PDB file of N, CA and C in Angstrom:
ATOM      1  N   MET A   1      17.790  -0.404 -13.113  1.00  0.00           N
ATOM      2  CA  MET A   1      16.842  -1.191 -12.337  1.00  0.00           C
ATOM      3  C   MET A   1      16.038  -0.295 -11.403  1.00  0.00           C
ATOM      4  N   TRP A   2      16.716   0.692 -10.776  1.00  0.00           N
ATOM      5  CA  TRP A   2      16.055   1.594  -9.853  1.00  0.00           C
ATOM      6  C   TRP A   2      14.945   2.369 -10.546  1.00  0.00           C
ATOM      7  N   LYS A   3      15.162   2.833 -11.774  1.00  0.00           N
ATOM      8  CA  LYS A   3      14.141   3.592 -12.495  1.00  0.00           C
ATOM      9  C   LYS A   3      12.932   2.716 -12.815  1.00  0.00           C
ATOM     10  N   ILE A   4      13.164   1.453 -13.128  1.00  0.00           N
ATOM     11  CA  ILE A   4      12.055   0.530 -13.387  1.00  0.00           C
ATOM     12  C   ILE A   4      11.235   0.345 -12.123  1.00  0.00           C
ATOM     13  N   GLN A   5      11.896   0.190 -10.981  1.00  0.00           N
ATOM     14  CA  GLN A   5      11.185   0.035  -9.713  1.00  0.00           C
ATOM     15  C   GLN A   5      10.345   1.272  -9.411  1.00  0.00           C
ATOM     16  N   GLN A   6      10.917   2.444  -9.624  1.00  0.00           N
ATOM     17  CA  GLN A   6      10.174   3.675  -9.374  1.00  0.00           C
ATOM     18  C   GLN A   6       8.967   3.784 -10.310  1.00  0.00           C
ATOM     19  N   LEU A   7       9.149   3.386 -11.555  1.00  0.00           N
ATOM     20  CA  LEU A   7       8.053   3.397 -12.518  1.00  0.00           C
ATOM     21  C   LEU A   7       6.935   2.449 -12.082  1.00  0.00           C
ATOM     22  N   LEU A   8       7.299   1.255 -11.622  1.00  0.00           N
ATOM     23  CA  LEU A   8       6.304   0.284 -11.162  1.00  0.00           C
ATOM     24  C   LEU A   8       5.559   0.787  -9.929  1.00  0.00           C
ATOM     25  N   ILE A   9       6.276   1.413  -9.001  1.00  0.00           N
ATOM     26  CA  ILE A   9       5.623   1.975  -7.818  1.00  0.00           C
ATOM     27  C   ILE A   9       4.678   3.087  -8.235  1.00  0.00           C
ATOM     28  N   GLY A  10       5.117   3.938  -9.158  1.00  0.00           N
ATOM     29  CA  GLY A  10       4.249   5.000  -9.651  1.00  0.00           C
ATOM     30  C   GLY A  10       2.988   4.442 -10.282  1.00  0.00           C
ATOM     31  N   LEU A  11       3.145   3.391 -11.066  1.00  0.00           N
ATOM     32  CA  LEU A  11       2.004   2.738 -11.696  1.00  0.00           C
ATOM     33  C   LEU A  11       1.068   2.158 -10.642  1.00  0.00           C
ATOM     34  N   ALA A  12       1.630   1.514  -9.633  1.00  0.00           N
ATOM     35  CA  ALA A  12       0.805   0.941  -8.559  1.00  0.00           C
ATOM     36  C   ALA A  12       0.031   2.035  -7.839  1.00  0.00           C
ATOM     37  N   MET A  13       0.668   3.139  -7.535  1.00  0.00           N
ATOM     38  CA  MET A  13       0.000   4.228  -6.836  1.00  0.00           C
ATOM     39  C   MET A  13      -1.072   4.861  -7.720  1.00  0.00           C
ATOM     40  N   LEU A  14      -0.783   4.973  -9.006  1.00  0.00           N
ATOM     41  CA  LEU A  14      -1.767   5.522  -9.939  1.00  0.00           C
ATOM     42  C   LEU A  14      -3.014   4.642  -9.997  1.00  0.00           C
ATOM     43  N   LEU A  15      -2.805   3.331 -10.051  1.00  0.00           N
ATOM     44  CA  LEU A  15      -3.930   2.411 -10.144  1.00  0.00           C
ATOM     45  C   LEU A  15      -4.689   2.279  -8.831  1.00  0.00           C
ATOM     46  N   LEU A  16      -3.982   2.322  -7.716  1.00  0.00           N
ATOM     47  CA  LEU A  16      -4.629   2.139  -6.423  1.00  0.00           C
ATOM     48  C   LEU A  16      -5.110   3.444  -5.809  1.00  0.00           C
ATOM     49  N   GLY A  17      -4.578   4.556  -6.256  1.00  0.00           N
ATOM     50  CA  GLY A  17      -4.946   5.860  -5.707  1.00  0.00           C
ATOM     51  C   GLY A  17      -6.438   6.105  -5.689  1.00  0.00           C
ATOM     52  N   PRO A  18      -7.128   5.920  -6.817  1.00  0.00           N
ATOM     53  CA  PRO A  18      -8.576   6.148  -6.809  1.00  0.00           C
ATOM     54  C   PRO A  18      -9.324   5.229  -5.845  1.00  0.00           C
ATOM     55  N   LEU A  19      -8.830   4.024  -5.645  1.00  0.00           N
ATOM     56  CA  LEU A  19      -9.478   3.115  -4.699  1.00  0.00           C
ATOM     57  C   LEU A  19      -9.366   3.642  -3.281  1.00  0.00           C
ATOM     58  N   ALA A  20      -8.200   4.174  -2.949  1.00  0.00           N
ATOM     59  CA  ALA A  20      -7.998   4.719  -1.611  1.00  0.00           C
ATOM     60  C   ALA A  20      -8.834   5.978  -1.409  1.00  0.00           C
ATOM     61  N   MET A  21      -8.937   6.809  -2.426  1.00  0.00           N
ATOM     62  CA  MET A  21      -9.700   8.047  -2.337  1.00  0.00           C
ATOM     63  C   MET A  21     -11.202   7.768  -2.279  1.00  0.00           C
ATOM     64  N   ALA A  22     -11.616   6.601  -2.740  1.00  0.00           N
ATOM     65  CA  ALA A  22     -13.036   6.286  -2.821  1.00  0.00           C
ATOM     66  C   ALA A  22     -13.633   5.881  -1.475  1.00  0.00           C
ATOM     67  N   SER A  23     -12.818   5.765  -0.455  1.00  0.00           N
ATOM     68  CA  SER A  23     -13.330   5.360   0.854  1.00  0.00           C
ATOM     69  C   SER A  23     -14.287   6.410   1.402  1.00  0.00           C
ATOM     70  N   PRO A  24     -15.451   5.975   1.897  1.00  0.00           N
ATOM     71  CA  PRO A  24     -16.372   6.940   2.501  1.00  0.00           C
ATOM     72  C   PRO A  24     -15.741   7.553   3.751  1.00  0.00           C
ATOM     73  N   PRO A  25     -16.150   8.778   4.107  1.00  0.00           N
ATOM     74  CA  PRO A  25     -15.564   9.443   5.277  1.00  0.00           C
ATOM     75  C   PRO A  25     -15.625   8.607   6.550  1.00  0.00           C
ATOM     76  N   ALA A  26     -16.652   7.783   6.711  1.00  0.00           N
ATOM     77  CA  ALA A  26     -16.770   6.958   7.918  1.00  0.00           C
ATOM     78  C   ALA A  26     -15.620   5.963   8.032  1.00  0.00           C
ATOM     79  N   GLU A  27     -15.050   5.550   6.893  1.00  0.00           N
ATOM     80  CA  GLU A  27     -13.942   4.594   6.908  1.00  0.00           C
ATOM     81  C   GLU A  27     -12.604   5.275   7.148  1.00  0.00           C
ATOM     82  N   LYS A  28     -12.531   6.578   6.955  1.00  0.00           N
ATOM     83  CA  LYS A  28     -11.273   7.297   7.084  1.00  0.00           C
ATOM     84  C   LYS A  28     -11.109   7.788   8.513  1.00  0.00           C
ATOM     85  N   LYS A  29     -10.569   6.934   9.352  1.00  0.00           N
ATOM     86  CA  LYS A  29     -10.291   7.330  10.724  1.00  0.00           C
ATOM     87  C   LYS A  29      -8.821   7.094  11.002  1.00  0.00           C
ATOM     88  N   ASN A  30      -8.289   7.879  11.885  1.00  0.00           N
ATOM     89  CA  ASN A  30      -6.879   7.746  12.220  1.00  0.00           C
ATOM     90  C   ASN A  30      -6.612   6.400  12.881  1.00  0.00           C
ATOM     91  N   CYS A  31      -5.478   5.815  12.519  1.00  0.00           N
ATOM     92  CA  CYS A  31      -5.064   4.578  13.175  1.00  0.00           C
ATOM     93  C   CYS A  31      -4.701   4.854  14.628  1.00  0.00           C
ATOM     94  N   THR A  32      -4.001   5.969  14.851  1.00  0.00           N
ATOM     95  CA  THR A  32      -3.575   6.290  16.208  1.00  0.00           C
ATOM     96  C   THR A  32      -3.244   7.773  16.313  1.00  0.00           C
ATOM     97  N   ASP A  33      -3.352   8.280  17.513  1.00  0.00           N
ATOM     98  CA  ASP A  33      -2.910   9.645  17.805  1.00  0.00           C
ATOM     99  C   ASP A  33      -1.658   9.629  18.667  1.00  0.00           C
ATOM    100  N   LEU A  34      -1.157   8.428  18.956  1.00  0.00           N
ATOM    101  CA  LEU A  34       0.053   8.313  19.771  1.00  0.00           C
ATOM    102  C   LEU A  34       1.262   8.826  18.999  1.00  0.00           C
ATOM    103  N   PRO A  35       2.280   9.319  19.699  1.00  0.00           N
ATOM    104  CA  PRO A  35       3.467   9.833  19.019  1.00  0.00           C
ATOM    105  C   PRO A  35       4.246   8.724  18.306  1.00  0.00           C
ATOM    106  N   ARG A  36       4.968   9.111  17.268  1.00  0.00           N
ATOM    107  CA  ARG A  36       5.748   8.145  16.469  1.00  0.00           C
ATOM    108  C   ARG A  36       6.743   7.359  17.320  1.00  0.00           C
ATOM    109  N   SER A  37       7.182   7.928  18.415  1.00  0.00           N
ATOM    110  CA  SER A  37       8.136   7.222  19.288  1.00  0.00           C
ATOM    111  C   SER A  37       7.541   5.940  19.871  1.00  0.00           C
ATOM    112  N   GLN A  38       6.205   5.818  19.872  1.00  0.00           N
ATOM    113  CA  GLN A  38       5.550   4.624  20.409  1.00  0.00           C
ATOM    114  C   GLN A  38       5.131   3.636  19.319  1.00  0.00           C
ATOM    115  N   TRP A  39       5.390   3.971  18.071  1.00  0.00           N
ATOM    116  CA  TRP A  39       5.019   3.111  16.942  1.00  0.00           C
ATOM    117  C   TRP A  39       6.011   1.969  16.797  1.00  0.00           C
ATOM    118  N   LEU A  40       5.573   0.896  16.127  1.00  0.00           N
ATOM    119  CA  LEU A  40       6.509  -0.154  15.718  1.00  0.00           C
ATOM    120  C   LEU A  40       7.521   0.477  14.776  1.00  0.00           C
ATOM    121  N   SER A  41       8.748  -0.005  14.816  1.00  0.00           N
ATOM    122  CA  SER A  41       9.771   0.543  13.929  1.00  0.00           C
ATOM    123  C   SER A  41       9.453   0.180  12.476  1.00  0.00           C
ATOM    124  N   GLU A  42      10.002   0.956  11.541  1.00  0.00           N
ATOM    125  CA  GLU A  42       9.788   0.643  10.127  1.00  0.00           C
ATOM    126  C   GLU A  42      10.365  -0.731   9.792  1.00  0.00           C
ATOM    127  N   ALA A  43      11.481  -1.088  10.400  1.00  0.00           N
ATOM    128  CA  ALA A  43      12.072  -2.408  10.145  1.00  0.00           C
ATOM    129  C   ALA A  43      11.115  -3.513  10.604  1.00  0.00           C
ATOM    130  N   ARG A  44      10.498  -3.320  11.749  1.00  0.00           N
ATOM    131  CA  ARG A  44       9.570  -4.335  12.286  1.00  0.00           C
ATOM    132  C   ARG A  44       8.320  -4.454  11.414  1.00  0.00           C
ATOM    133  N   ILE A  45       7.780  -3.316  10.946  1.00  0.00           N
ATOM    134  CA  ILE A  45       6.566  -3.374  10.137  1.00  0.00           C
ATOM    135  C   ILE A  45       6.890  -3.943   8.758  1.00  0.00           C
ATOM    136  N   ARG A  46       8.092  -3.682   8.233  1.00  0.00           N
ATOM    137  CA  ARG A  46       8.503  -4.315   6.968  1.00  0.00           C
ATOM    138  C   ARG A  46       8.574  -5.834   7.145  1.00  0.00           C
ATOM    139  N   GLN A  47       9.078  -6.271   8.287  1.00  0.00           N
ATOM    140  CA  GLN A  47       9.156  -7.701   8.573  1.00  0.00           C
ATOM    141  C   GLN A  47       7.748  -8.298   8.686  1.00  0.00           C
ATOM    142  N   THR A  48       6.843  -7.597   9.342  1.00  0.00           N
ATOM    143  CA  THR A  48       5.453  -8.044   9.468  1.00  0.00           C
ATOM    144  C   THR A  48       4.817  -8.178   8.087  1.00  0.00           C
ATOM    145  N   PHE A  49       5.068  -7.179   7.235  1.00  0.00           N
ATOM    146  CA  PHE A  49       4.517  -7.181   5.875  1.00  0.00           C
ATOM    147  C   PHE A  49       5.166  -8.259   5.020  1.00  0.00           C
ATOM    148  N   GLY A  50       6.426  -8.554   5.269  1.00  0.00           N
ATOM    149  CA  GLY A  50       7.148  -9.508   4.439  1.00  0.00           C
ATOM    150  C   GLY A  50       7.685  -8.834   3.182  1.00  0.00           C
ATOM    151  N   ALA A  51       8.161  -7.607   3.320  1.00  0.00           N
ATOM    152  CA  ALA A  51       8.590  -6.796   2.179  1.00  0.00           C
ATOM    153  C   ALA A  51       9.632  -7.490   1.310  1.00  0.00           C
ATOM    154  N   ASP A  52      10.440  -8.347   1.889  1.00  0.00           N
ATOM    155  CA  ASP A  52      11.467  -9.033   1.103  1.00  0.00           C
ATOM    156  C   ASP A  52      10.863  -9.980   0.074  1.00  0.00           C
ATOM    157  N   GLY A  53       9.613 -10.365   0.243  1.00  0.00           N
ATOM    158  CA  GLY A  53       8.963 -11.288  -0.684  1.00  0.00           C
ATOM    159  C   GLY A  53       8.349 -10.605  -1.897  1.00  0.00           C
ATOM    160  N   TYR A  54       8.557  -9.311  -2.044  1.00  0.00           N
ATOM    161  CA  TYR A  54       7.961  -8.567  -3.146  1.00  0.00           C
ATOM    162  C   TYR A  54       9.032  -7.988  -4.051  1.00  0.00           C
ATOM    163  N   VAL A  55       8.660  -7.794  -5.316  1.00  0.00           N
ATOM    164  CA  VAL A  55       9.595  -7.226  -6.277  1.00  0.00           C
ATOM    165  C   VAL A  55       9.940  -5.801  -5.867  1.00  0.00           C
ATOM    166  N   VAL A  56       8.945  -5.028  -5.508  1.00  0.00           N
ATOM    167  CA  VAL A  56       9.127  -3.643  -5.106  1.00  0.00           C
ATOM    168  C   VAL A  56       8.233  -3.402  -3.899  1.00  0.00           C
ATOM    169  N   ALA A  57       8.732  -2.693  -2.924  1.00  0.00           N
ATOM    170  CA  ALA A  57       7.886  -2.337  -1.784  1.00  0.00           C
ATOM    171  C   ALA A  57       8.223  -0.918  -1.353  1.00  0.00           C
ATOM    172  N   GLN A  58       7.205  -0.107  -1.186  1.00  0.00           N
ATOM    173  CA  GLN A  58       7.390   1.244  -0.684  1.00  0.00           C
ATOM    174  C   GLN A  58       6.551   1.401   0.555  1.00  0.00           C
ATOM    175  N   LEU A  59       7.140   1.956   1.576  1.00  0.00           N
ATOM    176  CA  LEU A  59       6.462   2.177   2.841  1.00  0.00           C
ATOM    177  C   LEU A  59       6.340   3.670   3.068  1.00  0.00           C
ATOM    178  N   LYS A  60       5.157   4.097   3.488  1.00  0.00           N
ATOM    179  CA  LYS A  60       4.975   5.490   3.877  1.00  0.00           C
ATOM    180  C   LYS A  60       3.971   5.547   5.013  1.00  0.00           C
ATOM    181  N   VAL A  61       3.856   6.711   5.619  1.00  0.00           N
ATOM    182  CA  VAL A  61       2.837   6.935   6.632  1.00  0.00           C
ATOM    183  C   VAL A  61       1.686   7.643   5.934  1.00  0.00           C
ATOM    184  N   SER A  62       0.497   7.062   6.035  1.00  0.00           N
ATOM    185  CA  SER A  62      -0.678   7.619   5.362  1.00  0.00           C
ATOM    186  C   SER A  62      -1.177   8.870   6.089  1.00  0.00           C
ATOM    187  N   SER A  63      -2.082   9.572   5.440  1.00  0.00           N
ATOM    188  CA  SER A  63      -2.676  10.759   6.052  1.00  0.00           C
ATOM    189  C   SER A  63      -3.516  10.392   7.273  1.00  0.00           C
ATOM    190  N   THR A  64      -3.884   9.122   7.387  1.00  0.00           N
ATOM    191  CA  THR A  64      -4.656   8.648   8.542  1.00  0.00           C
ATOM    192  C   THR A  64      -3.768   8.034   9.623  1.00  0.00           C
ATOM    193  N   ARG A  65      -2.448   8.288   9.511  1.00  0.00           N
ATOM    194  CA  ARG A  65      -1.453   7.853  10.501  1.00  0.00           C
ATOM    195  C   ARG A  65      -1.387   6.339  10.648  1.00  0.00           C
ATOM    196  N   CYS A  66      -1.426   5.651   9.516  1.00  0.00           N
ATOM    197  CA  CYS A  66      -1.199   4.211   9.441  1.00  0.00           C
ATOM    198  C   CYS A  66       0.081   3.999   8.643  1.00  0.00           C
ATOM    199  N   TYR A  67       0.703   2.844   8.804  1.00  0.00           N
ATOM    200  CA  TYR A  67       1.766   2.455   7.876  1.00  0.00           C
ATOM    201  C   TYR A  67       1.084   1.962   6.611  1.00  0.00           C
ATOM    202  N   GLU A  68       1.563   2.403   5.465  1.00  0.00           N
ATOM    203  CA  GLU A  68       0.956   2.051   4.181  1.00  0.00           C
ATOM    204  C   GLU A  68       2.028   1.513   3.243  1.00  0.00           C
ATOM    205  N   PHE A  69       1.779   0.338   2.701  1.00  0.00           N
ATOM    206  CA  PHE A  69       2.694  -0.282   1.740  1.00  0.00           C
ATOM    207  C   PHE A  69       2.079  -0.286   0.354  1.00  0.00           C
ATOM    208  N   TYR A  70       2.921  -0.061  -0.636  1.00  0.00           N
ATOM    209  CA  TYR A  70       2.591  -0.326  -2.036  1.00  0.00           C
ATOM    210  C   TYR A  70       3.627  -1.327  -2.497  1.00  0.00           C
ATOM    211  N   ALA A  71       3.191  -2.417  -3.096  1.00  0.00           N
ATOM    212  CA  ALA A  71       4.129  -3.454  -3.511  1.00  0.00           C
ATOM    213  C   ALA A  71       3.630  -4.144  -4.761  1.00  0.00           C
ATOM    214  N   ILE A  72       4.565  -4.772  -5.443  1.00  0.00           N
ATOM    215  CA  ILE A  72       4.238  -5.612  -6.589  1.00  0.00           C
ATOM    216  C   ILE A  72       4.749  -7.001  -6.261  1.00  0.00           C
ATOM    217  N   GLY A  73       3.826  -7.947  -6.249  1.00  0.00           N
ATOM    218  CA  GLY A  73       4.165  -9.319  -5.892  1.00  0.00           C
ATOM    219  C   GLY A  73       4.896 -10.040  -7.007  1.00  0.00           C
ATOM    220  N   GLN A  74       5.417 -11.190  -6.688  1.00  0.00           N
ATOM    221  CA  GLN A  74       6.165 -12.002  -7.652  1.00  0.00           C
ATOM    222  C   GLN A  74       5.310 -12.387  -8.855  1.00  0.00           C
ATOM    223  N   GLY A  75       3.993 -12.489  -8.655  1.00  0.00           N
ATOM    224  CA  GLY A  75       3.079 -12.843  -9.743  1.00  0.00           C
ATOM    225  C   GLY A  75       2.549 -11.641 -10.503  1.00  0.00           C
ATOM    226  N   GLY A  76       3.049 -10.433 -10.189  1.00  0.00           N
ATOM    227  CA  GLY A  76       2.624  -9.233 -10.880  1.00  0.00           C
ATOM    228  C   GLY A  76       1.449  -8.520 -10.243  1.00  0.00           C
ATOM    229  N   GLU A  77       0.917  -9.045  -9.136  1.00  0.00           N
ATOM    230  CA  GLU A  77      -0.201  -8.390  -8.471  1.00  0.00           C
ATOM    231  C   GLU A  77       0.275  -7.102  -7.781  1.00  0.00           C
ATOM    232  N   ILE A  78      -0.578  -6.105  -7.768  1.00  0.00           N
ATOM    233  CA  ILE A  78      -0.284  -4.833  -7.118  1.00  0.00           C
ATOM    234  C   ILE A  78      -1.029  -4.833  -5.790  1.00  0.00           C
ATOM    235  N   ILE A  79      -0.304  -4.521  -4.722  1.00  0.00           N
ATOM    236  CA  ILE A  79      -0.854  -4.631  -3.378  1.00  0.00           C
ATOM    237  C   ILE A  79      -0.747  -3.292  -2.667  1.00  0.00           C
ATOM    238  N   GLU A  80      -1.828  -2.895  -2.034  1.00  0.00           N
ATOM    239  CA  GLU A  80      -1.840  -1.741  -1.142  1.00  0.00           C
ATOM    240  C   GLU A  80      -2.338  -2.284   0.184  1.00  0.00           C
ATOM    241  N   ILE A  81      -1.591  -2.037   1.244  1.00  0.00           N
ATOM    242  CA  ILE A  81      -1.995  -2.565   2.546  1.00  0.00           C
ATOM    243  C   ILE A  81      -1.655  -1.549   3.633  1.00  0.00           C
ATOM    244  N   TYR A  82      -2.609  -1.387   4.547  1.00  0.00           N
ATOM    245  CA  TYR A  82      -2.440  -0.477   5.677  1.00  0.00           C
ATOM    246  C   TYR A  82      -2.297  -1.297   6.952  1.00  0.00           C
ATOM    247  N   PHE A  83      -1.314  -0.916   7.782  1.00  0.00           N
ATOM    248  CA  PHE A  83      -1.090  -1.566   9.074  1.00  0.00           C
ATOM    249  C   PHE A  83      -1.262  -0.545  10.198  1.00  0.00           C
ATOM    250  N   HIS A  84      -1.839  -1.006  11.304  1.00  0.00           N
ATOM    251  CA  HIS A  84      -1.895  -0.173  12.506  1.00  0.00           C
ATOM    252  C   HIS A  84      -0.456  -0.033  13.020  1.00  0.00           C
ATOM    253  N   PRO A  85       0.019   1.183  13.272  1.00  0.00           N
ATOM    254  CA  PRO A  85       1.427   1.376  13.638  1.00  0.00           C
ATOM    255  C   PRO A  85       1.804   0.930  15.048  1.00  0.00           C
ATOM    256  N   ILE A  86       0.826   0.667  15.885  1.00  0.00           N
ATOM    257  CA  ILE A  86       1.119   0.207  17.246  1.00  0.00           C
ATOM    258  C   ILE A  86       1.011  -1.310  17.339  1.00  0.00           C
ATOM    259  N   SER A  87      -0.084  -1.870  16.820  1.00  0.00           N
ATOM    260  CA  SER A  87      -0.339  -3.308  16.956  1.00  0.00           C
ATOM    261  C   SER A  87       0.189  -4.132  15.778  1.00  0.00           C
ATOM    262  N   GLY A  88       0.371  -3.503  14.620  1.00  0.00           N
ATOM    263  CA  GLY A  88       0.773  -4.242  13.428  1.00  0.00           C
ATOM    264  C   GLY A  88      -0.406  -4.931  12.737  1.00  0.00           C
ATOM    265  N   GLU A  89      -1.614  -4.703  13.231  1.00  0.00           N
ATOM    266  CA  GLU A  89      -2.826  -5.298  12.656  1.00  0.00           C
ATOM    267  C   GLU A  89      -3.084  -4.735  11.252  1.00  0.00           C
ATOM    268  N   VAL A  90      -3.535  -5.614  10.345  1.00  0.00           N
ATOM    269  CA  VAL A  90      -3.916  -5.173   9.002  1.00  0.00           C
ATOM    270  C   VAL A  90      -5.227  -4.404   9.115  1.00  0.00           C
ATOM    271  N   ILE A  91      -5.227  -3.167   8.619  1.00  0.00           N
ATOM    272  CA  ILE A  91      -6.407  -2.310   8.662  1.00  0.00           C
ATOM    273  C   ILE A  91      -7.187  -2.420   7.355  1.00  0.00           C
ATOM    274  N   LYS A  92      -6.472  -2.429   6.249  1.00  0.00           N
ATOM    275  CA  LYS A  92      -7.105  -2.493   4.931  1.00  0.00           C
ATOM    276  C   LYS A  92      -6.111  -3.115   3.956  1.00  0.00           C
ATOM    277  N   ARG A  93      -6.628  -3.927   3.031  1.00  0.00           N
ATOM    278  CA  ARG A  93      -5.775  -4.576   2.028  1.00  0.00           C
ATOM    279  C   ARG A  93      -6.514  -4.552   0.696  1.00  0.00           C
ATOM    280  N   THR A  94      -5.816  -4.111  -0.354  1.00  0.00           N
ATOM    281  CA  THR A  94      -6.350  -4.103  -1.714  1.00  0.00           C
ATOM    282  C   THR A  94      -5.349  -4.801  -2.614  1.00  0.00           C
ATOM    283  N   VAL A  95      -5.822  -5.718  -3.439  1.00  0.00           N
ATOM    284  CA  VAL A  95      -4.955  -6.432  -4.381  1.00  0.00           C
ATOM    285  C   VAL A  95      -5.565  -6.330  -5.774  1.00  0.00           C
ATOM    286  N   ILE A  96      -4.739  -5.919  -6.725  1.00  0.00           N
ATOM    287  CA  ILE A  96      -5.157  -5.897  -8.125  1.00  0.00           C
ATOM    288  C   ILE A  96      -4.285  -6.914  -8.849  1.00  0.00           C
ATOM    289  N   THR A  97      -4.921  -7.913  -9.427  1.00  0.00           N
ATOM    290  CA  THR A  97      -4.187  -8.967 -10.132  1.00  0.00           C
ATOM    291  C   THR A  97      -3.904  -8.550 -11.571  1.00  0.00           C
ATOM    292  N   PRO A  98      -2.921  -9.187 -12.222  1.00  0.00           N
ATOM    293  CA  PRO A  98      -2.663  -8.889 -13.635  1.00  0.00           C
ATOM    294  C   PRO A  98      -3.907  -9.119 -14.506  1.00  0.00           C
ATOM    295  N   GLN A  99      -4.722 -10.093 -14.139  1.00  0.00           N
ATOM    296  CA  GLN A  99      -5.942 -10.370 -14.895  1.00  0.00           C
ATOM    297  C   GLN A  99      -6.916  -9.184 -14.792  1.00  0.00           C
ATOM    298  N   THR A 100      -7.002  -8.580 -13.637  1.00  0.00           N
ATOM    299  CA  THR A 100      -7.857  -7.411 -13.443  1.00  0.00           C
ATOM    300  C   THR A 100      -7.374  -6.262 -14.320  1.00  0.00           C
ATOM    301  N   LEU A 101      -6.048  -6.087 -14.385  1.00  0.00           N
ATOM    302  CA  LEU A 101      -5.488  -4.994 -15.189  1.00  0.00           C
ATOM    303  C   LEU A 101      -5.791  -5.169 -16.674  1.00  0.00           C
ATOM    304  N   THR A 102      -5.683  -6.393 -17.163  1.00  0.00           N
ATOM    305  CA  THR A 102      -5.923  -6.620 -18.599  1.00  0.00           C
ATOM    306  C   THR A 102      -7.410  -6.510 -18.918  1.00  0.00           C
ATOM    307  N   ALA A 103      -8.265  -6.673 -17.925  1.00  0.00           N
ATOM    308  CA  ALA A 103      -9.710  -6.580 -18.159  1.00  0.00           C
ATOM    309  C   ALA A 103     -10.223  -5.145 -18.090  1.00  0.00           C
ATOM    310  N   MET A 104      -9.375  -4.209 -17.626  1.00  0.00           N
ATOM    311  CA  MET A 104      -9.800  -2.824 -17.515  1.00  0.00           C
ATOM    312  C   MET A 104      -9.969  -2.213 -18.906  1.00  0.00           C
ATOM    313  N   PRO A 105     -11.021  -1.410 -19.099  1.00  0.00           N
ATOM    314  CA  PRO A 105     -11.203  -0.760 -20.389  1.00  0.00           C
ATOM    315  C   PRO A 105     -10.134   0.295 -20.630  1.00  0.00           C
ATOM    316  N   ALA A 106      -9.815   0.513 -21.889  1.00  0.00           N
ATOM    317  CA  ALA A 106      -8.833   1.532 -22.247  1.00  0.00           C
ATOM    318  C   ALA A 106      -9.424   2.911 -21.970  1.00  0.00           C
ATOM    319  N   PRO A 107      -8.579   3.860 -21.548  1.00  0.00           N
ATOM    320  CA  PRO A 107      -9.079   5.207 -21.277  1.00  0.00           C
ATOM    321  C   PRO A 107      -9.629   5.849 -22.556  1.00  0.00           C
ATOM    322  N   ALA A 108     -10.700   6.626 -22.414  1.00  0.00           N
ATOM    323  CA  ALA A 108     -11.268   7.331 -23.554  1.00  0.00           C
ATOM    324  C   ALA A 108     -10.382   8.494 -23.952  1.00  0.00           C
ATOM    325  N   ASN A 109     -10.248   8.718 -25.214  1.00  0.00           N
ATOM    326  CA  ASN A 109      -9.421   9.842 -25.681  1.00  0.00           C
ATOM    327  C   ASN A 109     -10.209  11.080 -25.851  1.00  0.00           C
TER     328      ASN A 109
END
């Protein structure tokens, strides 16, 4: 089961990675410069996100010093969401539905 979860997270990151990289430089600003000791705890931000409601959830700190989740919802949607580490405010949210995935063209060989 663990390997399947890791595979799904890898797939989510692969699919969402280009979307995150596509942000113009003006959108890429740090969430905070405050030290990690002043951030919401990972347990609190997982609770804010509702990580228990997802099949798989991975939390990391982004290069812009935000909390970043990758998750797969119960309906198969892939979710990338950034939270401000001090306020818990949603900074950015991207959702790819299963319908979007099936509509994507096959890669050229």
